[in-house]
Amino acid sequence: MSERMRAVRQDVLGGPEVLRLVEVDRPEPGPTEVLVRVRAAGVNPTDWKHRAMKIFLGDPPFTLGWDVSGVVEEAGFGVTVHKPGDEVFGMLRYPHGVGSHAEYVVAPSRTFVRKPAGIDHVQAGALPLAALTAWQALVDTADLREGQRVLVHAAAGGVGHLAVQIAKARGAHVLGTASGSKHAFLRGLGVDEPIDYRSVDFAEAAEDVDVVLDTIGGDYGPRSLRTMRRGGTLVTVAGRAQPEDIAQQAAEHGVRFEKLLVEPDFHAMSQIAALAAAGRLRAEIDTVLPLEDAAKAHERGETGRVSGKIVLTV
């Protein structure tokens, strides 16, 4: 095996043009780690945001990418859950475990679970970060239960369309915001009440909601409170992009407010894999591009017109 590999690197912050395909040293697995040959890696909004702005990673150089689907090449000392040749998928530790837009990655073995045989690497590579975000918001944080009403914002987006499927798998009644042109897609996912945010005020169209998943931020949190029952849970995954007093506003409405930053989770990834294997969770693939076209993937993502996920193949 070569000691070098290809990776998409950037030396400065900026537009998609700062991304370059270069050769770098191939990482080596340490104790409890595995070396995975990347077959496919999702591209998420956090990738193009980190490319352009100093957020969690500090100054470049760095290689972006958190989603991984691939094949275990080497297993470090003490690893029992995976062996060389196993097909696996998972999310690198967010935010500092970044680096999947490359030919190889190293990570703790329990970052990954077995890829279901019935889905390919493109499908598996699209799932981890977005599906884990949706799972940790709806299941771990909000404890979504059968019969509850959940409102998913940007329900056709990367996190949103997976959140819809997870909510339906748990027996929830799902409301989802998206432009009218995407409502057929939402209904195909199982959305019970699509809401065209361009033509109506979702805060007037939705009512008696138990759980809200806010993927947008801004005034969506405060407006969502008007749709909710007392005792409900509002979870935002929109980072810092919400009003400073949102927690106080939520408390005044009798609603629990939580900010979520996604984490690796072997158990949750196992549940996600089981849903995918059963055909109950599937990523909508918007665009597939080779690793060397990472800049084009970022350009596509930043149009804001993506339905589902963008994936790089290696």
Protein backbone atom coordinates (compact mmCIF):
# COMPACT_ATOMS: atom_id res chain seq x y z
CA MET A 1 0.00 0.00 0.00
CA SER A 2 1.34 3.45 -0.91
CA GLU A 3 2.35 5.72 1.95
CA ARG A 4 0.80 8.66 0.07
CA MET A 5 -2.81 9.45 -0.80
CA ARG A 6 -4.89 12.04 -2.61
CA ALA A 7 -6.87 14.54 -0.55
CA VAL A 8 -8.78 17.77 -1.12
CA ARG A 9 -6.93 20.44 0.85
CA GLN A 10 -7.17 24.18 1.31
CA ASP A 11 -4.47 26.54 2.54
CA VAL A 12 -6.70 29.61 2.96
CA LEU A 13 -10.34 30.36 3.67
CA GLY A 14 -12.41 31.42 0.70
CA GLY A 15 -14.62 30.29 -2.15
CA PRO A 16 -14.72 26.87 -3.79
CA GLU A 17 -11.64 27.78 -5.81
CA VAL A 18 -9.42 27.38 -2.71
CA LEU A 19 -10.00 23.59 -2.76
CA ARG A 20 -7.09 21.69 -4.32
CA LEU A 21 -6.47 18.00 -4.96
CA VAL A 22 -3.02 17.22 -3.55
CA GLU A 23 -0.91 14.30 -2.35
CA VAL A 24 -0.35 13.97 1.40
CA ASP A 25 0.90 11.29 3.78
CA ARG A 26 -1.51 8.44 4.36
CA PRO A 27 -2.50 8.23 8.06
CA GLU A 28 -1.68 5.21 10.21
CA PRO A 29 -4.13 3.66 12.67
CA GLY A 30 -3.20 3.63 16.35
CA PRO A 31 -4.62 1.50 19.16
CA THR A 32 -8.43 1.11 18.89
CA GLU A 33 -8.41 2.85 15.48
CA VAL A 34 -9.09 1.66 11.95
CA LEU A 35 -7.78 2.82 8.61
CA VAL A 36 -10.65 3.09 6.13
CA ARG A 37 -10.27 3.38 2.38
CA VAL A 38 -12.94 5.92 1.46
CA ARG A 39 -15.34 4.93 -1.31
CA ALA A 40 -17.84 7.78 -0.88
CA ALA A 41 -18.14 10.83 1.34
CA GLY A 42 -21.08 13.17 1.75
CA VAL A 43 -20.76 16.93 1.40
CA ASN A 44 -22.77 18.91 3.95
CA PRO A 45 -23.49 22.61 4.52
CA THR A 46 -20.97 22.56 7.37
CA ASP A 47 -18.28 21.76 4.77
CA TRP A 48 -18.78 24.86 2.67
CA LYS A 49 -19.27 27.00 5.77
CA HIS A 50 -15.96 25.81 7.24
CA ARG A 51 -14.29 26.30 3.86
CA ALA A 52 -15.27 29.96 3.83
CA MET A 53 -15.28 30.99 7.51
CA LYS A 54 -13.31 30.38 10.68
CA ILE A 55 -15.77 28.37 12.80
CA PHE A 56 -14.47 25.34 14.73
CA LEU A 57 -11.40 24.31 12.76
CA GLY A 58 -9.37 27.51 13.00
CA ASP A 59 -7.02 28.46 10.19
CA PRO A 60 -6.19 26.12 7.28
CA PRO A 61 -4.54 24.01 6.01
CA PHE A 62 -7.07 21.24 6.44
CA THR A 63 -9.10 18.62 4.58
CA LEU A 64 -12.86 18.83 4.98
CA GLY A 65 -15.43 16.05 5.18
CA TRP A 66 -17.09 14.15 8.02
CA ASP A 67 -19.19 11.52 6.22
CA VAL A 68 -17.48 8.23 5.34
CA SER A 69 -18.42 5.01 3.59
CA GLY A 70 -15.60 2.66 2.73
CA VAL A 71 -13.63 -0.48 3.45
CA VAL A 72 -11.46 -1.22 6.49
CA GLU A 73 -7.85 -1.59 5.33
CA GLU A 74 -6.12 -1.95 8.70
CA ALA A 75 -7.27 -2.39 12.29
CA GLY A 76 -5.16 -1.11 15.17
CA PHE A 77 -4.37 -2.93 18.39
CA GLY A 78 -7.43 -3.80 20.47
CA VAL A 79 -10.05 -3.39 17.74
CA THR A 80 -12.71 -6.12 17.91
CA VAL A 81 -15.74 -4.73 16.06
CA HIS A 82 -14.18 -4.45 12.58
CA LYS A 83 -11.66 -6.42 10.55
CA PRO A 84 -9.84 -5.66 7.26
CA GLY A 85 -12.23 -6.05 4.37
CA ASP A 86 -15.33 -4.98 6.29
CA GLU A 87 -17.52 -2.42 4.54
CA VAL A 88 -18.37 0.31 7.04
CA PHE A 89 -19.87 3.78 7.29
CA GLY A 90 -20.03 6.51 9.91
CA MET A 91 -19.30 10.11 10.84
CA LEU A 92 -15.86 11.30 11.91
CA ARG A 93 -15.78 13.06 15.27
CA TYR A 94 -17.44 16.44 14.81
CA PRO A 95 -15.94 18.95 14.48
CA HIS A 96 -12.24 18.11 14.92
CA GLY A 97 -12.15 14.61 13.40
CA VAL A 98 -12.60 16.12 9.95
CA GLY A 99 -10.88 14.79 6.80
CA SER A 100 -13.00 12.34 4.79
CA HIS A 101 -12.58 14.09 1.44
CA ALA A 102 -9.52 11.96 0.84
CA GLU A 103 -8.61 8.42 -0.17
CA TYR A 104 -8.10 7.23 3.43
CA VAL A 105 -9.17 8.23 6.93
CA VAL A 106 -8.25 7.02 10.42
CA ALA A 107 -10.75 7.10 13.28
CA PRO A 108 -11.72 5.21 16.44
CA SER A 109 -13.21 1.88 15.37
CA ARG A 110 -16.59 2.55 16.97
CA THR A 111 -17.02 5.61 14.78
CA PHE A 112 -18.16 3.12 12.16
CA VAL A 113 -20.80 0.41 11.82
CA ARG A 114 -21.21 -2.24 9.15
CA LYS A 115 -22.69 -0.95 5.92
CA PRO A 116 -25.89 -2.82 5.08
CA ALA A 117 -25.35 -5.10 2.10
CA GLY A 118 -28.44 -3.74 0.38
CA ILE A 119 -27.18 -0.16 0.00
CA ASP A 120 -24.20 1.05 -1.99
CA HIS A 121 -21.36 3.29 -0.83
CA VAL A 122 -22.91 6.43 -2.34
CA GLN A 123 -26.09 5.91 -0.35
CA ALA A 124 -24.17 5.02 2.81
CA GLY A 125 -21.79 7.95 2.38
CA ALA A 126 -24.72 10.36 2.25
CA LEU A 127 -26.27 9.26 5.54
CA PRO A 128 -24.04 9.63 8.64
CA LEU A 129 -23.83 13.31 9.62
CA ALA A 130 -27.33 14.27 8.52
CA ALA A 131 -28.99 11.11 9.85
CA LEU A 132 -27.15 11.30 13.17
CA THR A 133 -28.19 14.94 13.51
CA ALA A 134 -31.82 14.04 12.90
CA TRP A 135 -31.69 11.01 15.21
CA GLN A 136 -30.02 12.86 18.07
CA ALA A 137 -32.48 15.74 17.75
CA LEU A 138 -35.70 13.75 17.48
CA VAL A 139 -34.95 10.56 19.41
CA ASP A 140 -32.21 11.29 21.96
CA THR A 141 -33.16 14.89 22.73
CA ALA A 142 -36.90 15.22 22.10
CA ASP A 143 -37.82 11.57 22.81
CA LEU A 144 -40.26 11.60 19.91
CA ARG A 145 -43.03 9.03 20.39
CA GLU A 146 -45.75 7.37 18.39
CA GLY A 147 -48.70 9.66 17.70
CA GLN A 148 -46.87 12.91 18.44
CA ARG A 149 -46.86 15.78 15.98
CA VAL A 150 -43.45 16.93 14.72
CA LEU A 151 -42.68 19.96 12.55
CA VAL A 152 -39.52 19.66 10.43
CA HIS A 153 -38.20 22.83 8.83
CA ALA A 154 -36.48 22.58 5.44
CA ALA A 155 -37.95 19.10 5.23
CA ALA A 156 -36.51 18.49 1.75
CA GLY A 157 -32.97 19.33 2.85
CA GLY A 158 -30.15 17.03 3.88
CA VAL A 159 -31.07 16.75 7.55
CA GLY A 160 -34.76 17.46 7.02
CA HIS A 161 -35.62 14.66 4.61
CA LEU A 162 -33.91 12.10 6.84
CA ALA A 163 -35.62 13.53 9.92
CA VAL A 164 -38.98 13.03 8.22
CA GLN A 165 -38.24 9.35 7.64
CA ILE A 166 -36.97 8.81 11.18
CA ALA A 167 -40.07 10.50 12.57
CA LYS A 168 -42.35 8.34 10.43
CA ALA A 169 -40.47 5.22 11.52
CA ARG A 170 -41.32 6.17 15.10
CA GLY A 171 -45.00 6.59 14.29
CA ALA A 172 -45.16 10.40 14.40
CA HIS A 173 -47.47 12.71 12.45
CA VAL A 174 -45.13 14.89 10.36
CA LEU A 175 -45.51 18.46 9.18
CA GLY A 176 -42.76 19.82 6.94
CA THR A 177 -41.90 23.20 5.46
CA ALA A 178 -40.59 23.47 1.90
CA SER A 179 -41.40 25.35 -1.28
CA GLY A 180 -44.49 24.13 -3.09
CA SER A 181 -42.44 22.55 -5.89
CA LYS A 182 -41.02 20.05 -3.37
CA HIS A 183 -44.31 18.95 -1.83
CA ALA A 184 -44.63 15.84 -4.01
CA PHE A 185 -41.18 14.80 -2.79
CA LEU A 186 -42.23 15.42 0.81
CA ARG A 187 -45.37 13.34 0.44
CA GLY A 188 -43.26 10.55 -1.00
CA LEU A 189 -41.16 10.65 2.17
CA GLY A 190 -44.29 10.40 4.30
CA VAL A 191 -44.96 14.02 5.26
CA ASP A 192 -48.59 14.26 6.36
CA GLU A 193 -48.90 18.04 6.10
CA PRO A 194 -46.55 19.82 3.68
CA ILE A 195 -46.44 23.59 4.26
CA ASP A 196 -45.35 26.03 1.55
CA TYR A 197 -43.45 28.62 3.56
CA ARG A 198 -43.47 30.97 0.56
CA SER A 199 -47.24 31.23 0.27
CA VAL A 200 -48.40 30.86 3.90
CA ASP A 201 -47.11 31.64 7.37
CA PHE A 202 -46.17 28.26 8.78
CA ALA A 203 -46.88 29.60 12.27
CA GLU A 204 -50.52 29.96 11.23
CA ALA A 205 -50.70 26.71 9.24
CA ALA A 206 -49.27 24.40 11.94
CA GLU A 207 -50.79 23.77 15.36
CA ASP A 208 -50.62 21.45 18.37
CA VAL A 209 -47.01 20.50 17.59
CA ASP A 210 -45.09 18.44 20.15
CA VAL A 211 -41.60 18.63 18.61
CA VAL A 212 -39.99 21.14 16.24
CA LEU A 213 -36.70 20.52 14.44
CA ASP A 214 -35.28 23.88 13.36
CA THR A 215 -32.56 23.53 10.72
CA ILE A 216 -32.73 27.17 9.61
CA GLY A 217 -32.36 29.52 12.59
CA GLY A 218 -33.15 33.21 12.50
CA ASP A 219 -36.78 33.89 13.38
CA TYR A 220 -37.85 30.29 12.73
CA GLY A 221 -37.42 29.37 16.39
CA PRO A 222 -39.58 32.15 17.85
CA ARG A 223 -42.22 31.70 15.16
CA SER A 224 -42.27 27.95 15.74
CA LEU A 225 -43.20 28.51 19.39
CA ARG A 226 -46.59 29.74 18.22
CA THR A 227 -47.29 26.29 16.74
CA MET A 228 -46.40 24.28 19.85
CA ARG A 229 -48.18 22.67 22.76
CA ARG A 230 -46.99 23.38 26.28
CA GLY A 231 -44.49 20.74 27.33
CA GLY A 232 -43.14 20.41 23.79
CA THR A 233 -39.51 20.47 22.68
CA LEU A 234 -37.88 22.83 20.17
CA VAL A 235 -34.48 21.57 18.96
CA THR A 236 -32.28 23.75 16.79
CA VAL A 237 -29.31 22.51 14.78
CA ALA A 238 -28.74 25.96 13.25
CA GLY A 239 -25.71 26.80 15.38
CA ARG A 240 -25.62 30.34 16.71
CA ALA A 241 -28.10 31.66 14.14
CA GLN A 242 -31.00 32.31 16.51
CA PRO A 243 -32.09 35.14 18.81
CA GLU A 244 -30.21 35.41 22.10
CA ASP A 245 -33.45 35.31 24.10
CA ILE A 246 -34.93 32.24 22.38
CA ALA A 247 -34.54 30.10 25.51
CA GLN A 248 -36.46 32.67 27.55
CA GLN A 249 -39.18 32.91 24.90
CA ALA A 250 -39.49 29.13 24.88
CA ALA A 251 -39.79 29.02 28.68
CA GLU A 252 -42.58 31.60 28.56
CA HIS A 253 -44.44 29.31 26.14
CA GLY A 254 -43.87 26.28 28.38
CA VAL A 255 -41.54 24.74 25.80
CA ARG A 256 -38.14 23.13 26.30
CA PHE A 257 -35.44 24.61 24.04
CA GLU A 258 -32.23 22.76 23.10
CA LYS A 259 -29.25 23.52 20.83
CA LEU A 260 -27.72 20.41 19.28
CA LEU A 261 -24.23 19.78 17.91
CA VAL A 262 -23.98 16.32 16.37
CA GLU A 263 -21.71 13.68 17.94
CA PRO A 264 -20.43 10.27 16.81
CA ASP A 265 -22.55 7.51 18.31
CA PHE A 266 -22.07 3.79 17.66
CA HIS A 267 -25.51 2.88 19.00
CA ALA A 268 -27.34 5.54 16.98
CA MET A 269 -25.41 4.62 13.82
CA SER A 270 -26.42 1.00 14.40
CA GLN A 271 -30.08 2.07 14.55
CA ILE A 272 -29.64 4.16 11.39
CA ALA A 273 -28.05 1.18 9.63
CA ALA A 274 -30.97 -1.03 10.68
CA LEU A 275 -33.50 1.45 9.28
CA ALA A 276 -31.52 1.71 6.03
CA ALA A 277 -31.27 -2.08 5.76
CA ALA A 278 -35.04 -2.35 6.21
CA GLY A 279 -35.69 0.24 3.50
CA ARG A 280 -37.15 2.73 5.97
CA LEU A 281 -34.37 5.32 5.68
CA ARG A 282 -32.86 6.38 2.39
CA ALA A 283 -30.93 9.47 1.39
CA GLU A 284 -32.13 11.38 -1.64
CA ILE A 285 -29.03 11.81 -3.81
CA ASP A 286 -28.96 15.20 -5.51
CA THR A 287 -25.51 15.05 -7.11
CA VAL A 288 -22.61 12.58 -7.31
CA LEU A 289 -19.16 13.85 -8.29
CA PRO A 290 -15.61 12.44 -8.18
CA LEU A 291 -13.24 13.59 -5.45
CA GLU A 292 -11.36 15.88 -7.83
CA ASP A 293 -14.57 17.85 -8.43
CA ALA A 294 -15.02 18.83 -4.77
CA ALA A 295 -15.13 22.51 -5.76
CA LYS A 296 -18.09 21.81 -8.06
CA ALA A 297 -19.82 19.99 -5.20
CA HIS A 298 -19.42 23.07 -2.99
CA GLU A 299 -20.69 25.33 -5.77
CA ARG A 300 -23.76 23.13 -6.16
CA GLY A 301 -24.39 23.11 -2.42
CA GLU A 302 -24.18 26.85 -2.10
CA THR A 303 -26.94 27.41 -4.66
CA GLY A 304 -29.44 26.53 -1.92
CA ARG A 305 -31.42 24.45 -4.41
CA VAL A 306 -30.27 21.01 -3.31
CA SER A 307 -32.84 18.34 -2.49
CA GLY A 308 -31.18 15.71 -0.36
CA LYS A 309 -27.42 15.12 -0.41
CA ILE A 310 -24.30 15.72 -2.49
CA VAL A 311 -21.75 12.89 -2.49
CA LEU A 312 -18.11 12.64 -3.58
CA THR A 313 -16.85 9.27 -4.82
CA VAL A 314 -13.25 8.17 -4.39
